[in-house]
Full PDB file with SEQRES, HELIX, SHEET, SSBOND, CRYST1, ORIGX, SCALE, CONECT and MASTER records, all heavy atoms in Angstrom:
SEQRES   1 A   35  ASN ALA VAL ARG HIS GLY CYS VAL PRO GLY ARG ASP PHE          
SEQRES   2 A   35  ALA VAL ARG LEU VAL MET ASP GLY ARG LEU VAL ARG VAL          
SEQRES   3 A   35  GLU VAL SER ASP ALA ARG GLY GLU ARG                          
HELIX    1 AA1 ALA A    2  HIS A    5  1                                   4    
SHEET    1 AA1 2 ALA A  14  ASP A  20  0                                        
SHEET    2 AA1 2 LEU A  23  SER A  29 -1                                        
CRYST1    1.000    1.000    1.000  90.00  90.00  90.00 P 1           1          
ORIGX1      1.000000  0.000000  0.000000        0.00000                         
ORIGX2      0.000000  1.000000  0.000000        0.00000                         
ORIGX3      0.000000  0.000000  1.000000        0.00000                         
SCALE1      1.000000  0.000000  0.000000        0.00000                         
SCALE2      0.000000  1.000000  0.000000        0.00000                         
SCALE3      0.000000  0.000000  1.000000        0.00000                         
ATOM      1  N   ASN A   1       0.828  -1.210   0.000  1.00  0.00           N  
ATOM      2  CA  ASN A   1       0.000   0.000   0.000  1.00  0.00           C  
ATOM      3  C   ASN A   1       0.860   1.257   0.000  1.00  0.00           C  
ATOM      4  O   ASN A   1       0.518   2.244  -0.659  1.00  0.00           O  
ATOM      5  CB  ASN A   1      -0.941   0.014   1.199  1.00  0.00           C  
ATOM      6  CG  ASN A   1      -2.129  -0.895   1.007  1.00  0.00           C  
ATOM      7  OD1 ASN A   1      -2.375  -1.391  -0.082  1.00  0.00           O  
ATOM      8  ND2 ASN A   1      -2.864  -1.128   2.069  1.00  0.00           N  
ATOM      9  N   ALA A   2       1.972   1.241   0.736  1.00  0.00           N  
ATOM     10  CA  ALA A   2       2.856   2.404   0.756  1.00  0.00           C  
ATOM     11  C   ALA A   2       3.426   2.671  -0.631  1.00  0.00           C  
ATOM     12  O   ALA A   2       3.525   3.824  -1.057  1.00  0.00           O  
ATOM     13  CB  ALA A   2       3.988   2.195   1.764  1.00  0.00           C  
ATOM     14  N   VAL A   3       3.774   1.602  -1.349  1.00  0.00           N  
ATOM     15  CA  VAL A   3       4.327   1.763  -2.696  1.00  0.00           C  
ATOM     16  C   VAL A   3       3.239   2.183  -3.680  1.00  0.00           C  
ATOM     17  O   VAL A   3       3.437   3.067  -4.504  1.00  0.00           O  
ATOM     18  CB  VAL A   3       5.017   0.452  -3.149  1.00  0.00           C  
ATOM     19  CG1 VAL A   3       5.346   0.480  -4.630  1.00  0.00           C  
ATOM     20  CG2 VAL A   3       6.277   0.217  -2.331  1.00  0.00           C  
ATOM     21  N   ARG A   4       2.071   1.581  -3.580  1.00  0.00           N  
ATOM     22  CA  ARG A   4       0.996   1.862  -4.533  1.00  0.00           C  
ATOM     23  C   ARG A   4       0.286   3.183  -4.262  1.00  0.00           C  
ATOM     24  O   ARG A   4       0.005   3.943  -5.176  1.00  0.00           O  
ATOM     25  CB  ARG A   4      -0.020   0.732  -4.518  1.00  0.00           C  
ATOM     26  CG  ARG A   4      -1.224   1.027  -5.421  1.00  0.00           C  
ATOM     27  CD  ARG A   4      -2.178  -0.114  -5.489  1.00  0.00           C  
ATOM     28  NE  ARG A   4      -1.617  -1.058  -6.464  1.00  0.00           N  
ATOM     29  CZ  ARG A   4      -2.014  -2.296  -6.610  1.00  0.00           C  
ATOM     30  NH1 ARG A   4      -2.955  -2.771  -5.828  1.00  0.00           N  
ATOM     31  NH2 ARG A   4      -1.488  -3.075  -7.504  1.00  0.00           N  
ATOM     32  N   HIS A   5      -0.032   3.459  -3.009  1.00  0.00           N  
ATOM     33  CA  HIS A   5      -0.872   4.618  -2.691  1.00  0.00           C  
ATOM     34  C   HIS A   5      -0.137   5.753  -1.975  1.00  0.00           C  
ATOM     35  O   HIS A   5      -0.652   6.865  -1.923  1.00  0.00           O  
ATOM     36  CB  HIS A   5      -2.053   4.188  -1.815  1.00  0.00           C  
ATOM     37  CG  HIS A   5      -2.873   3.094  -2.413  1.00  0.00           C  
ATOM     38  ND1 HIS A   5      -3.614   3.266  -3.559  1.00  0.00           N  
ATOM     39  CD2 HIS A   5      -3.041   1.803  -2.031  1.00  0.00           C  
ATOM     40  CE1 HIS A   5      -4.224   2.121  -3.845  1.00  0.00           C  
ATOM     41  NE2 HIS A   5      -3.891   1.231  -2.943  1.00  0.00           N  
ATOM     42  N   GLY A   6       1.027   5.467  -1.391  1.00  0.00           N  
ATOM     43  CA  GLY A   6       1.713   6.472  -0.593  1.00  0.00           C  
ATOM     44  C   GLY A   6       2.975   7.021  -1.224  1.00  0.00           C  
ATOM     45  O   GLY A   6       3.690   7.800  -0.609  1.00  0.00           O  
ATOM     46  N   CYS A   7       3.225   6.625  -2.446  1.00  0.00           N  
ATOM     47  CA  CYS A   7       4.467   7.012  -3.112  1.00  0.00           C  
ATOM     48  C   CYS A   7       4.441   8.471  -3.550  1.00  0.00           C  
ATOM     49  O   CYS A   7       3.498   8.932  -4.178  1.00  0.00           O  
ATOM     50  CB  CYS A   7       4.700   6.109  -4.322  1.00  0.00           C  
ATOM     51  SG  CYS A   7       6.219   6.480  -5.200  1.00  0.00           S  
ATOM     52  N   VAL A   8       5.487   9.186  -3.187  1.00  0.00           N  
ATOM     53  CA  VAL A   8       5.765  10.520  -3.690  1.00  0.00           C  
ATOM     54  C   VAL A   8       7.110  10.398  -4.394  1.00  0.00           C  
ATOM     55  O   VAL A   8       8.067   9.899  -3.796  1.00  0.00           O  
ATOM     56  CB  VAL A   8       5.832  11.554  -2.547  1.00  0.00           C  
ATOM     57  CG1 VAL A   8       6.323  12.893  -3.047  1.00  0.00           C  
ATOM     58  CG2 VAL A   8       4.477  11.685  -1.870  1.00  0.00           C  
ATOM     59  N   PRO A   9       7.198  10.813  -5.660  1.00  0.00           N  
ATOM     60  CA  PRO A   9       8.463  10.657  -6.390  1.00  0.00           C  
ATOM     61  C   PRO A   9       9.654  11.215  -5.597  1.00  0.00           C  
ATOM     62  O   PRO A   9       9.590  12.314  -5.055  1.00  0.00           O  
ATOM     63  CB  PRO A   9       8.235  11.439  -7.682  1.00  0.00           C  
ATOM     64  CG  PRO A   9       6.753  11.378  -7.879  1.00  0.00           C  
ATOM     65  CD  PRO A   9       6.169  11.440  -6.489  1.00  0.00           C  
ATOM     66  N   GLY A  10      10.687  10.394  -5.497  1.00  0.00           N  
ATOM     67  CA  GLY A  10      11.897  10.793  -4.789  1.00  0.00           C  
ATOM     68  C   GLY A  10      11.864  10.563  -3.289  1.00  0.00           C  
ATOM     69  O   GLY A  10      12.844  10.831  -2.603  1.00  0.00           O  
ATOM     70  N   ARG A  11      10.756  10.069  -2.762  1.00  0.00           N  
ATOM     71  CA  ARG A  11      10.637   9.826  -1.319  1.00  0.00           C  
ATOM     72  C   ARG A  11      10.559   8.328  -1.052  1.00  0.00           C  
ATOM     73  O   ARG A  11       9.874   7.593  -1.759  1.00  0.00           O  
ATOM     74  CB  ARG A  11       9.377  10.484  -0.753  1.00  0.00           C  
ATOM     75  CG  ARG A  11       9.328  11.974  -0.891  1.00  0.00           C  
ATOM     76  CD  ARG A  11      10.066  12.624   0.281  1.00  0.00           C  
ATOM     77  NE  ARG A  11      10.076  14.062   0.169  1.00  0.00           N  
ATOM     78  CZ  ARG A  11       9.249  14.869   0.807  1.00  0.00           C  
ATOM     79  NH1 ARG A  11       8.312  14.378   1.570  1.00  0.00           N  
ATOM     80  NH2 ARG A  11       9.360  16.173   0.654  1.00  0.00           N  
ATOM     81  N   ASP A  12      11.242   7.890  -0.010  1.00  0.00           N  
ATOM     82  CA  ASP A  12      11.230   6.487   0.402  1.00  0.00           C  
ATOM     83  C   ASP A  12      10.063   6.231   1.352  1.00  0.00           C  
ATOM     84  O   ASP A  12       9.411   7.162   1.816  1.00  0.00           O  
ATOM     85  CB  ASP A  12      12.528   6.145   1.138  1.00  0.00           C  
ATOM     86  CG  ASP A  12      13.758   6.266   0.258  1.00  0.00           C  
ATOM     87  OD1 ASP A  12      13.625   6.194  -0.968  1.00  0.00           O  
ATOM     88  OD2 ASP A  12      14.861   6.424   0.824  1.00  0.00           O  
ATOM     89  N   PHE A  13       9.852   4.956   1.670  1.00  0.00           N  
ATOM     90  CA  PHE A  13       8.966   4.605   2.776  1.00  0.00           C  
ATOM     91  C   PHE A  13       9.835   3.976   3.855  1.00  0.00           C  
ATOM     92  O   PHE A  13      10.955   3.530   3.600  1.00  0.00           O  
ATOM     93  CB  PHE A  13       7.811   3.690   2.343  1.00  0.00           C  
ATOM     94  CG  PHE A  13       8.207   2.284   1.982  1.00  0.00           C  
ATOM     95  CD1 PHE A  13       8.252   1.286   2.946  1.00  0.00           C  
ATOM     96  CD2 PHE A  13       8.524   1.950   0.674  1.00  0.00           C  
ATOM     97  CE1 PHE A  13       8.607  -0.009   2.613  1.00  0.00           C  
ATOM     98  CE2 PHE A  13       8.871   0.660   0.330  1.00  0.00           C  
ATOM     99  CZ  PHE A  13       8.922  -0.325   1.305  1.00  0.00           C  
ATOM    100  N   ALA A  14       9.340   3.971   5.071  1.00  0.00           N  
ATOM    101  CA  ALA A  14      10.103   3.440   6.199  1.00  0.00           C  
ATOM    102  C   ALA A  14       9.311   2.339   6.888  1.00  0.00           C  
ATOM    103  O   ALA A  14       8.083   2.388   6.959  1.00  0.00           O  
ATOM    104  CB  ALA A  14      10.414   4.555   7.198  1.00  0.00           C  
ATOM    105  N   VAL A  15      10.052   1.351   7.380  1.00  0.00           N  
ATOM    106  CA  VAL A  15       9.460   0.259   8.150  1.00  0.00           C  
ATOM    107  C   VAL A  15      10.128   0.247   9.516  1.00  0.00           C  
ATOM    108  O   VAL A  15      11.349   0.379   9.626  1.00  0.00           O  
ATOM    109  CB  VAL A  15       9.663  -1.104   7.454  1.00  0.00           C  
ATOM    110  CG1 VAL A  15       9.203  -2.245   8.347  1.00  0.00           C  
ATOM    111  CG2 VAL A  15       8.940  -1.137   6.127  1.00  0.00           C  
ATOM    112  N   ARG A  16       9.305   0.099  10.522  1.00  0.00           N  
ATOM    113  CA  ARG A  16       9.796  -0.037  11.897  1.00  0.00           C  
ATOM    114  C   ARG A  16       9.120  -1.252  12.507  1.00  0.00           C  
ATOM    115  O   ARG A  16       7.890  -1.374  12.455  1.00  0.00           O  
ATOM    116  CB  ARG A  16       9.465   1.226  12.692  1.00  0.00           C  
ATOM    117  CG  ARG A  16       9.984   1.208  14.104  1.00  0.00           C  
ATOM    118  CD  ARG A  16       9.790   2.607  14.732  1.00  0.00           C  
ATOM    119  NE  ARG A  16      10.069   2.567  16.135  1.00  0.00           N  
ATOM    120  CZ  ARG A  16       9.147   2.636  17.091  1.00  0.00           C  
ATOM    121  NH1 ARG A  16       7.873   2.789  16.781  1.00  0.00           N  
ATOM    122  NH2 ARG A  16       9.501   2.578  18.357  1.00  0.00           N  
ATOM    123  N   LEU A  17       9.923  -2.157  13.023  1.00  0.00           N  
ATOM    124  CA  LEU A  17       9.433  -3.376  13.657  1.00  0.00           C  
ATOM    125  C   LEU A  17       9.886  -3.342  15.112  1.00  0.00           C  
ATOM    126  O   LEU A  17      11.072  -3.138  15.387  1.00  0.00           O  
ATOM    127  CB  LEU A  17      10.011  -4.598  12.942  1.00  0.00           C  
ATOM    128  CG  LEU A  17       9.612  -5.974  13.449  1.00  0.00           C  
ATOM    129  CD1 LEU A  17       8.123  -6.230  13.197  1.00  0.00           C  
ATOM    130  CD2 LEU A  17      10.458  -7.048  12.777  1.00  0.00           C  
ATOM    131  N   VAL A  18       8.938  -3.526  16.030  1.00  0.00           N  
ATOM    132  CA  VAL A  18       9.256  -3.475  17.456  1.00  0.00           C  
ATOM    133  C   VAL A  18       8.682  -4.716  18.123  1.00  0.00           C  
ATOM    134  O   VAL A  18       7.535  -5.097  17.875  1.00  0.00           O  
ATOM    135  CB  VAL A  18       8.640  -2.218  18.124  1.00  0.00           C  
ATOM    136  CG1 VAL A  18       8.915  -2.198  19.618  1.00  0.00           C  
ATOM    137  CG2 VAL A  18       9.164  -0.955  17.460  1.00  0.00           C  
ATOM    138  N   MET A  19       9.508  -5.345  18.965  1.00  0.00           N  
ATOM    139  CA  MET A  19       9.023  -6.421  19.821  1.00  0.00           C  
ATOM    140  C   MET A  19       9.202  -5.945  21.251  1.00  0.00           C  
ATOM    141  O   MET A  19      10.313  -5.598  21.668  1.00  0.00           O  
ATOM    142  CB  MET A  19       9.779  -7.717  19.602  1.00  0.00           C  
ATOM    143  CG  MET A  19       9.188  -8.855  20.434  1.00  0.00           C  
ATOM    144  SD  MET A  19       9.980 -10.451  20.181  1.00  0.00           S  
ATOM    145  CE  MET A  19      11.476 -10.225  21.103  1.00  0.00           C  
ATOM    146  N   ASP A  20       8.112  -5.884  21.978  1.00  0.00           N  
ATOM    147  CA  ASP A  20       8.130  -5.446  23.367  1.00  0.00           C  
ATOM    148  C   ASP A  20       7.419  -6.522  24.170  1.00  0.00           C  
ATOM    149  O   ASP A  20       6.187  -6.590  24.171  1.00  0.00           O  
ATOM    150  CB  ASP A  20       7.437  -4.088  23.499  1.00  0.00           C  
ATOM    151  CG  ASP A  20       7.733  -3.409  24.816  1.00  0.00           C  
ATOM    152  OD1 ASP A  20       8.406  -4.025  25.678  1.00  0.00           O  
ATOM    153  OD2 ASP A  20       7.300  -2.258  25.000  1.00  0.00           O  
ATOM    154  N   GLY A  21       8.180  -7.372  24.821  1.00  0.00           N  
ATOM    155  CA  GLY A  21       7.601  -8.540  25.467  1.00  0.00           C  
ATOM    156  C   GLY A  21       7.086  -9.481  24.392  1.00  0.00           C  
ATOM    157  O   GLY A  21       7.830  -9.883  23.507  1.00  0.00           O  
ATOM    158  N   ARG A  22       5.793  -9.787  24.420  1.00  0.00           N  
ATOM    159  CA  ARG A  22       5.202 -10.656  23.399  1.00  0.00           C  
ATOM    160  C   ARG A  22       4.403  -9.870  22.370  1.00  0.00           C  
ATOM    161  O   ARG A  22       3.728 -10.446  21.529  1.00  0.00           O  
ATOM    162  CB  ARG A  22       4.303 -11.719  24.055  1.00  0.00           C  
ATOM    163  CG  ARG A  22       5.015 -12.640  25.007  1.00  0.00           C  
ATOM    164  CD  ARG A  22       6.072 -13.485  24.360  1.00  0.00           C  
ATOM    165  NE  ARG A  22       5.471 -14.458  23.464  1.00  0.00           N  
ATOM    166  CZ  ARG A  22       6.157 -15.301  22.714  1.00  0.00           C  
ATOM    167  NH1 ARG A  22       7.462 -15.287  22.738  1.00  0.00           N  
ATOM    168  NH2 ARG A  22       5.549 -16.142  21.919  1.00  0.00           N  
ATOM    169  N   LEU A  23       4.485  -8.553  22.415  1.00  0.00           N  
ATOM    170  CA  LEU A  23       3.799  -7.703  21.450  1.00  0.00           C  
ATOM    171  C   LEU A  23       4.738  -7.407  20.293  1.00  0.00           C  
ATOM    172  O   LEU A  23       5.872  -6.964  20.503  1.00  0.00           O  
ATOM    173  CB  LEU A  23       3.358  -6.388  22.090  1.00  0.00           C  
ATOM    174  CG  LEU A  23       2.735  -5.374  21.135  1.00  0.00           C  
ATOM    175  CD1 LEU A  23       1.348  -5.848  20.693  1.00  0.00           C  
ATOM    176  CD2 LEU A  23       2.658  -4.013  21.770  1.00  0.00           C  
ATOM    177  N   VAL A  24       4.278  -7.671  19.083  1.00  0.00           N  
ATOM    178  CA  VAL A  24       5.036  -7.330  17.888  1.00  0.00           C  
ATOM    179  C   VAL A  24       4.246  -6.259  17.142  1.00  0.00           C  
ATOM    180  O   VAL A  24       3.063  -6.430  16.865  1.00  0.00           O  
ATOM    181  CB  VAL A  24       5.257  -8.568  16.980  1.00  0.00           C  
ATOM    182  CG1 VAL A  24       6.031  -8.186  15.731  1.00  0.00           C  
ATOM    183  CG2 VAL A  24       5.981  -9.672  17.748  1.00  0.00           C  
ATOM    184  N   ARG A  25       4.923  -5.156  16.844  1.00  0.00           N  
ATOM    185  CA  ARG A  25       4.286  -4.027  16.154  1.00  0.00           C  
ATOM    186  C   ARG A  25       5.089  -3.709  14.903  1.00  0.00           C  
ATOM    187  O   ARG A  25       6.310  -3.612  14.953  1.00  0.00           O  
ATOM    188  CB  ARG A  25       4.239  -2.798  17.067  1.00  0.00           C  
ATOM    189  CG  ARG A  25       3.616  -1.567  16.419  1.00  0.00           C  
ATOM    190  CD  ARG A  25       3.588  -0.413  17.407  1.00  0.00           C  
ATOM    191  NE  ARG A  25       3.199   0.834  16.788  1.00  0.00           N  
ATOM    192  CZ  ARG A  25       2.056   1.459  17.013  1.00  0.00           C  
ATOM    193  NH1 ARG A  25       1.166   0.959  17.845  1.00  0.00           N  
ATOM    194  NH2 ARG A  25       1.788   2.604  16.412  1.00  0.00           N  
ATOM    195  N   VAL A  26       4.389  -3.561  13.795  1.00  0.00           N  
ATOM    196  CA  VAL A  26       5.028  -3.137  12.552  1.00  0.00           C  
ATOM    197  C   VAL A  26       4.399  -1.812  12.150  1.00  0.00           C  
ATOM    198  O   VAL A  26       3.182  -1.639  12.249  1.00  0.00           O  
ATOM    199  CB  VAL A  26       4.919  -4.209  11.442  1.00  0.00           C  
ATOM    200  CG1 VAL A  26       3.480  -4.506  11.060  1.00  0.00           C  
ATOM    201  CG2 VAL A  26       5.723  -3.817  10.221  1.00  0.00           C  
ATOM    202  N   GLU A  27       5.257  -0.870  11.745  1.00  0.00           N  
ATOM    203  CA  GLU A  27       4.808   0.447  11.299  1.00  0.00           C  
ATOM    204  C   GLU A  27       5.391   0.700   9.917  1.00  0.00           C  
ATOM    205  O   GLU A  27       6.573   0.457   9.689  1.00  0.00           O  
ATOM    206  CB  GLU A  27       5.304   1.545  12.238  1.00  0.00           C  
ATOM    207  CG  GLU A  27       4.836   1.405  13.661  1.00  0.00           C  
ATOM    208  CD  GLU A  27       5.473   2.424  14.594  1.00  0.00           C  
ATOM    209  OE1 GLU A  27       6.379   3.175  14.155  1.00  0.00           O  
ATOM    210  OE2 GLU A  27       5.077   2.472  15.764  1.00  0.00           O  
ATOM    211  N   VAL A  28       4.564   1.191   9.022  1.00  0.00           N  
ATOM    212  CA  VAL A  28       5.023   1.558   7.685  1.00  0.00           C  
ATOM    213  C   VAL A  28       4.638   3.019   7.467  1.00  0.00           C  
ATOM    214  O   VAL A  28       3.469   3.371   7.546  1.00  0.00           O  
ATOM    215  CB  VAL A  28       4.410   0.653   6.601  1.00  0.00           C  
ATOM    216  CG1 VAL A  28       4.847   1.098   5.211  1.00  0.00           C  
ATOM    217  CG2 VAL A  28       4.802  -0.808   6.847  1.00  0.00           C  
ATOM    218  N   SER A  29       5.655   3.847   7.220  1.00  0.00           N  
ATOM    219  CA  SER A  29       5.442   5.283   7.037  1.00  0.00           C  
ATOM    220  C   SER A  29       5.731   5.667   5.599  1.00  0.00           C  
ATOM    221  O   SER A  29       6.711   5.208   5.013  1.00  0.00           O  
ATOM    222  CB  SER A  29       6.375   6.076   7.963  1.00  0.00           C  
ATOM    223  OG  SER A  29       6.121   5.755   9.307  1.00  0.00           O  
ATOM    224  N   ASP A  30       4.862   6.492   5.036  1.00  0.00           N  
ATOM    225  CA  ASP A  30       5.088   7.006   3.685  1.00  0.00           C  
ATOM    226  C   ASP A  30       4.846   8.510   3.685  1.00  0.00           C  
ATOM    227  O   ASP A  30       4.475   9.087   4.702  1.00  0.00           O  
ATOM    228  CB  ASP A  30       4.228   6.269   2.645  1.00  0.00           C  
ATOM    229  CG  ASP A  30       2.736   6.461   2.857  1.00  0.00           C  
ATOM    230  OD1 ASP A  30       2.294   7.630   2.979  1.00  0.00           O  
ATOM    231  OD2 ASP A  30       1.992   5.465   2.868  1.00  0.00           O  
ATOM    232  N   ALA A  31       5.061   9.137   2.543  1.00  0.00           N  
ATOM    233  CA  ALA A  31       5.033  10.598   2.459  1.00  0.00           C  
ATOM    234  C   ALA A  31       3.667  11.180   2.090  1.00  0.00           C  
ATOM    235  O   ALA A  31       3.531  12.390   1.983  1.00  0.00           O  
ATOM    236  CB  ALA A  31       6.081  11.075   1.449  1.00  0.00           C  
ATOM    237  N   ARG A  32       2.651  10.360   1.893  1.00  0.00           N  
ATOM    238  CA  ARG A  32       1.331  10.857   1.461  1.00  0.00           C  
ATOM    239  C   ARG A  32       0.368  10.915   2.639  1.00  0.00           C  
ATOM    240  O   ARG A  32      -0.363   9.969   2.908  1.00  0.00           O  
ATOM    241  CB  ARG A  32       0.746   9.943   0.379  1.00  0.00           C  
ATOM    242  CG  ARG A  32       1.503   9.841  -0.916  1.00  0.00           C  
ATOM    243  CD  ARG A  32       1.327  11.028  -1.846  1.00  0.00           C  
ATOM    244  NE  ARG A  32      -0.001  11.323  -2.265  1.00  0.00           N  
ATOM    245  CZ  ARG A  32      -0.560  10.874  -3.384  1.00  0.00           C  
ATOM    246  NH1 ARG A  32       0.084  10.065  -4.190  1.00  0.00           N  
ATOM    247  NH2 ARG A  32      -1.774  11.244  -3.702  1.00  0.00           N  
ATOM    248  N   GLY A  33       0.349  12.024   3.328  1.00  0.00           N  
ATOM    249  CA  GLY A  33      -0.531  12.174   4.476  1.00  0.00           C  
ATOM    250  C   GLY A  33      -1.987  12.363   4.123  1.00  0.00           C  
ATOM    251  O   GLY A  33      -2.872  12.102   4.919  1.00  0.00           O  
ATOM    252  N   GLU A  34      -2.249  12.819   2.893  1.00  0.00           N  
ATOM    253  CA  GLU A  34      -3.646  13.065   2.504  1.00  0.00           C  
ATOM    254  C   GLU A  34      -4.370  11.791   2.096  1.00  0.00           C  
ATOM    255  O   GLU A  34      -5.584  11.800   1.935  1.00  0.00           O  
ATOM    256  CB  GLU A  34      -3.707  14.100   1.368  1.00  0.00           C  
ATOM    257  CG  GLU A  34      -3.279  13.592   0.001  1.00  0.00           C  
ATOM    258  CD  GLU A  34      -1.766  13.588  -0.223  1.00  0.00           C  
ATOM    259  OE1 GLU A  34      -1.001  13.818   0.716  1.00  0.00           O  
ATOM    260  OE2 GLU A  34      -1.365  13.337  -1.368  1.00  0.00           O  
ATOM    261  N   ARG A  35      -3.659  10.691   1.933  1.00  0.00           N  
ATOM    262  CA  ARG A  35      -4.293   9.423   1.548  1.00  0.00           C  
ATOM    263  C   ARG A  35      -4.231   8.465   2.726  1.00  0.00           C  
ATOM    264  O   ARG A  35      -3.358   7.617   2.816  1.00  0.00           O  
ATOM    265  CB  ARG A  35      -3.601   8.834   0.330  1.00  0.00           C  
ATOM    266  CG  ARG A  35      -3.772   9.733  -0.886  1.00  0.00           C  
ATOM    267  CD  ARG A  35      -3.352   9.062  -2.137  1.00  0.00           C  
ATOM    268  NE  ARG A  35      -4.380   8.108  -2.536  1.00  0.00           N  
ATOM    269  CZ  ARG A  35      -4.285   7.373  -3.622  1.00  0.00           C  
ATOM    270  NH1 ARG A  35      -3.255   7.463  -4.410  1.00  0.00           N  
ATOM    271  NH2 ARG A  35      -5.254   6.535  -3.940  1.00  0.00           N  
TER     272      ARG A  35                                                      
MASTER        0    0    0    1    2    0    0    6  271    1    0    3          
END                                                                             
């Protein structure tokens, strides 16, 4: 979705993976805040 809908030419997307105890959280950030 970040590549298809959140892409702004020249801007990357970021992935952050966190494990805190038994909780696993994945975050994907892109440059398109309006979508």
